[in-house]
Protein backbone atom coordinates (compact mmCIF):
# COMPACT_ATOMS: atom_id res chain seq x y z
CA UNK A 1 16.19 -53.70 11.10
CA UNK A 2 12.96 -51.67 11.65
CA UNK A 3 14.36 -49.34 13.80
CA UNK A 4 16.74 -48.63 11.05
CA UNK A 5 14.41 -47.62 9.37
CA UNK A 6 11.86 -45.96 11.14
CA UNK A 7 15.21 -43.68 12.28
CA UNK A 8 15.77 -43.14 8.71
CA UNK A 9 12.21 -42.56 7.84
CA UNK A 10 12.43 -39.86 10.43
CA UNK A 11 15.98 -38.24 9.57
CA UNK A 12 14.10 -38.34 5.05
CA UNK A 13 10.84 -36.21 7.32
CA UNK A 14 13.93 -33.52 9.11
CA UNK A 15 14.51 -33.41 6.11
CA UNK A 16 12.05 -32.43 4.34
CA UNK A 17 10.51 -29.93 7.37
CA UNK A 18 13.77 -27.77 6.95
CA UNK A 19 13.40 -27.56 3.31
CA UNK A 20 10.62 -26.77 3.03
CA UNK A 21 10.79 -24.18 6.09
CA UNK A 22 14.35 -23.26 3.87
CA UNK A 23 12.31 -22.50 0.88
CA UNK A 24 9.64 -20.45 1.87
CA UNK A 25 12.38 -18.25 3.75
CA UNK A 26 14.51 -17.52 0.32
CA UNK A 27 11.23 -16.77 -1.28
CA UNK A 28 10.50 -14.13 0.69
CA UNK A 29 13.72 -12.46 0.46
CA UNK A 30 12.72 -13.41 -3.36
CA UNK A 31 10.19 -11.63 -2.88
CA UNK A 32 11.62 -8.56 -0.55
CA UNK A 33 14.24 -8.00 -3.17
CA UNK A 34 11.66 -8.23 -6.44
CA UNK A 35 9.72 -5.27 -4.29
CA UNK A 36 12.29 -3.39 -3.17
CA UNK A 37 13.70 -3.09 -6.62
CA UNK A 38 10.96 -2.04 -7.47
CA UNK A 39 10.41 0.75 -5.43
CA UNK A 40 14.15 1.93 -5.97
CA UNK A 41 13.34 2.17 -9.81
CA UNK A 42 10.54 3.95 -8.69
CA UNK A 43 13.54 6.31 -7.52
CA UNK A 44 15.12 6.82 -10.73
CA UNK A 45 12.23 7.79 -12.52
CA UNK A 46 11.23 9.83 -10.72
CA UNK A 47 14.18 11.38 -10.92
CA UNK A 48 14.27 11.52 -14.46
CA UNK A 49 10.43 13.05 -14.95
CA UNK A 50 9.88 9.67 -16.61
CA UNK A 51 6.70 9.95 -15.77
CA UNK A 52 5.43 7.19 -18.32
CA UNK A 53 7.73 4.45 -16.94
CA UNK A 54 6.33 5.00 -13.56
CA UNK A 55 2.76 4.67 -14.04
CA UNK A 56 3.64 1.22 -16.05
CA UNK A 57 5.21 0.09 -12.37
CA UNK A 58 1.38 0.32 -10.94
CA UNK A 59 -1.04 -2.76 -11.02
CA UNK A 60 -4.03 -2.80 -13.32
CA UNK A 61 -6.47 -3.15 -10.30
CA UNK A 62 -7.37 0.13 -8.80
CA UNK A 63 -3.95 1.82 -8.10
CA UNK A 64 -3.66 4.61 -6.11
CA UNK A 65 -1.09 7.31 -5.10
CA UNK A 66 -1.26 10.71 -3.04
CA UNK A 67 1.68 13.20 -2.63
CA UNK A 68 1.92 15.25 0.18
CA UNK A 69 -1.66 17.28 0.47
CA UNK A 70 -1.98 16.94 -3.47
CA UNK A 71 -5.46 14.25 -2.74
CA UNK A 72 -5.70 11.49 -3.43
CA UNK A 73 -5.63 9.89 -7.33
CA UNK A 74 -7.12 6.16 -8.12
CA UNK A 75 -6.27 4.10 -11.20
CA UNK A 76 -3.25 4.41 -13.95
CA UNK A 77 -4.66 6.60 -16.29
CA UNK A 78 -5.44 9.78 -13.78
CA UNK A 79 -2.24 8.75 -12.01
CA UNK A 80 -0.94 9.28 -15.24
CA UNK A 81 -2.85 12.60 -15.90
CA UNK A 82 -1.71 13.72 -11.98
CA UNK A 83 2.33 13.11 -12.75
CA UNK A 84 2.30 14.23 -16.34
CA UNK A 85 0.35 17.28 -16.01
CA UNK A 86 0.29 18.37 -12.94
CA UNK A 87 4.26 17.94 -11.39
CA UNK A 88 5.02 17.58 -14.68
CA UNK A 89 3.61 20.27 -16.09
CA UNK A 90 3.30 18.41 -19.46
CA UNK A 91 6.78 17.48 -19.56
CA UNK A 92 8.48 14.51 -19.86
CA UNK A 93 12.18 13.63 -19.27
CA UNK A 94 14.62 16.74 -18.60
CA UNK A 95 15.99 19.90 -19.91
CA UNK A 96 19.05 20.80 -20.58
CA UNK A 97 20.98 21.55 -17.36
CA UNK A 98 17.57 20.44 -15.30
CA UNK A 99 18.34 18.66 -12.18
CA UNK A 100 16.12 16.10 -9.22
CA UNK A 101 17.17 13.25 -7.27
CA UNK A 102 14.61 11.41 -4.76
CA UNK A 103 16.38 9.80 -3.39
CA UNK A 104 15.10 5.74 -1.98
CA UNK A 105 15.68 5.15 1.56
CA UNK A 106 15.55 3.26 4.78
CA UNK A 107 13.07 0.46 2.97
CA UNK A 108 11.23 -2.24 5.91
CA UNK A 109 9.17 -4.11 3.86
CA UNK A 110 6.45 -6.34 4.87
CA UNK A 111 5.39 -9.38 3.36
CA UNK A 112 2.11 -10.13 4.21
CA UNK A 113 1.06 -13.99 4.60
CA UNK A 114 0.26 -15.30 0.99
CA UNK A 115 2.77 -13.98 -0.29
CA UNK A 116 0.45 -12.28 -2.74
CA UNK A 117 0.18 -8.64 -0.85
CA UNK A 118 3.13 -6.28 1.02
CA UNK A 119 3.44 -2.76 2.65
CA UNK A 120 6.60 -1.13 2.98
CA UNK A 121 7.30 1.78 4.80
CA UNK A 122 10.61 4.27 3.46
CA UNK A 123 11.76 7.87 3.35
CA UNK A 124 13.22 9.79 0.39
CA UNK A 125 15.72 12.56 0.47
CA UNK A 126 14.77 15.01 -2.42
CA UNK A 127 17.26 17.69 -4.29
CA UNK A 128 16.58 19.93 -7.32
CA UNK A 129 16.13 22.98 -9.44
CA UNK A 130 13.66 22.24 -11.88
CA UNK A 131 12.98 24.33 -14.02
CA UNK A 132 16.39 24.33 -14.74
CA UNK A 133 16.87 28.49 -14.85
CA UNK A 134 15.07 28.84 -10.99
CA UNK A 135 17.22 31.04 -8.73
CA UNK A 136 17.04 28.57 -5.88
CA UNK A 137 16.96 24.77 -5.32
CA UNK A 138 15.15 22.32 -3.65
CA UNK A 139 15.98 20.51 -0.49
CA UNK A 140 12.75 18.38 1.22
CA UNK A 141 12.30 14.87 2.54
CA UNK A 142 9.55 13.07 2.74
CA UNK A 143 7.75 9.21 4.43
CA UNK A 144 6.73 6.71 1.91
CA UNK A 145 3.96 4.50 3.12
CA UNK A 146 3.40 2.15 -0.13
CA UNK A 147 0.87 -1.25 -0.69
CA UNK A 148 2.30 -3.95 -3.73
CA UNK A 149 0.48 -6.61 -5.11
CA UNK A 150 1.22 -9.23 -6.77
CA UNK A 151 -0.60 -9.53 -9.76
CA UNK A 152 -0.01 -11.86 -12.75
CA UNK A 153 3.24 -13.22 -11.17
CA UNK A 154 5.00 -9.69 -10.61
CA UNK A 155 5.30 -7.57 -7.64
CA UNK A 156 3.96 -4.14 -8.62
CA UNK A 157 3.36 -1.23 -6.64
CA UNK A 158 -0.70 -0.44 -5.82
CA UNK A 159 -0.74 1.93 -3.73
CA UNK A 160 1.90 5.06 -2.55
CA UNK A 161 1.35 6.97 -0.09
CA UNK A 162 3.81 10.23 0.48
CA UNK A 163 4.03 12.25 3.31
CA UNK A 164 6.40 15.04 3.06
CA UNK A 165 8.67 16.16 6.40
CA UNK A 166 9.63 19.60 4.85
CA UNK A 167 10.74 21.99 2.00
CA UNK A 168 13.38 24.16 1.59
CA UNK A 169 14.52 26.67 -0.90
CA UNK A 170 17.87 27.74 -1.21
CA UNK A 171 19.29 30.64 -2.95
CA UNK A 172 22.67 29.15 -5.35
CA UNK A 173 24.91 30.74 -7.41
CA UNK A 174 26.06 28.07 -9.60
CA UNK A 175 25.26 24.30 -10.29
CA UNK A 176 27.84 22.84 -12.15
CA UNK A 177 27.70 18.92 -14.10
CA UNK A 178 31.90 18.55 -14.67
CA UNK A 179 34.23 17.05 -12.54
CA UNK A 180 37.87 17.91 -13.31
CA UNK A 181 39.29 17.14 -16.74
CA UNK A 182 42.05 14.58 -17.80
CA UNK A 183 45.48 14.26 -15.54
CA UNK A 184 47.65 14.74 -18.58
CA UNK A 185 50.75 13.83 -16.18
CA UNK A 186 48.94 11.11 -16.13
CA UNK A 187 46.60 10.64 -19.20
CA UNK A 188 43.95 7.76 -19.25
CA UNK A 189 43.71 4.62 -20.55
CA UNK A 190 40.51 5.80 -22.46
CA UNK A 191 38.20 8.91 -22.67
CA UNK A 192 34.68 9.23 -20.24
CA UNK A 193 31.18 8.93 -20.64
CA UNK A 194 30.48 12.15 -23.13
CA UNK A 195 28.04 14.38 -21.76
CA UNK A 196 24.82 13.79 -23.19
CA UNK A 197 23.70 16.46 -25.63
CA UNK A 198 19.82 17.20 -24.60
CA UNK A 199 20.62 16.95 -20.96
CA UNK A 200 24.20 18.98 -21.46
CA UNK A 201 25.92 16.69 -18.95
CA UNK A 202 27.06 12.93 -18.41
CA UNK A 203 24.01 10.51 -17.84
CA UNK A 204 25.02 6.14 -17.16
CA UNK A 205 22.99 4.20 -19.84
CA UNK A 206 20.66 2.22 -17.86
CA UNK A 207 21.95 -1.49 -17.61
CA UNK A 208 18.10 -2.79 -16.59
CA UNK A 209 14.83 -2.76 -19.20
CA UNK A 210 11.55 -2.03 -16.78
CA UNK A 211 11.65 -3.59 -14.14
CA UNK A 212 7.78 -4.56 -14.62
CA UNK A 213 7.46 -4.41 -18.27
CA UNK A 214 10.44 -5.35 -19.76
CA UNK A 215 11.46 -2.67 -22.41
CA UNK A 216 14.39 -0.91 -22.90
CA UNK A 217 14.33 2.28 -20.96
CA UNK A 218 15.47 5.93 -23.01
CA UNK A 219 17.81 8.49 -22.11
CA UNK A 220 15.26 11.36 -20.28
CA UNK A 221 16.26 13.98 -22.40
CA UNK A 222 13.41 15.88 -22.69
CA UNK A 223 12.49 17.61 -26.05
CA UNK A 224 9.86 21.15 -25.32
CA UNK A 225 9.27 20.83 -29.43
CA UNK A 226 7.51 17.54 -28.28
CA UNK A 227 5.43 19.08 -25.59
CA UNK A 228 3.89 16.77 -23.62
CA UNK A 229 4.01 12.89 -23.72
């Protein structure tokens, strides 16, 4: 009887160890997915010149940002001014027919022991015609080396460093925003998503709220009459 009890206790102990191991693996994967989602949100906000929303992804405790050879900025207020006033020329959102794509790719995420800090290396492919009157179309590529911190139980960006690989400007004849029209021979069951009047093209509504602050996300249509935000 004693042998059976000892065997049962060893089996339960082994199961407890395995449960703890799997729980740690699940928590690690959840952290990786949260950080990846955070970084992808940054890319979408950069796409749409949503500088206020980008800054809200950063932690409160001395975050930093460095893009190319423009120098490093510390603190959320200075990061916001750099994004809006330097990169954004004082304008939030996109003008009509303006395109910026900031595609985040190949993230390699390392969660540090203790799961309170993390790092990632990723790539970005950049395309754009900002401002929309420019005669060129920009193509660029960059490498990110970023830092993250868990603040108040939420993963946030601690530091974002971008080393640009290359830039190139391509002369362009035309950029267009509309696909082929609905088929008359085989009509659709309902109309497609209409153009947003402020952007001059379709814009798929955000299905998620801000990943750190939780507020609803706006259509990034810039109103030049409003000036800087």
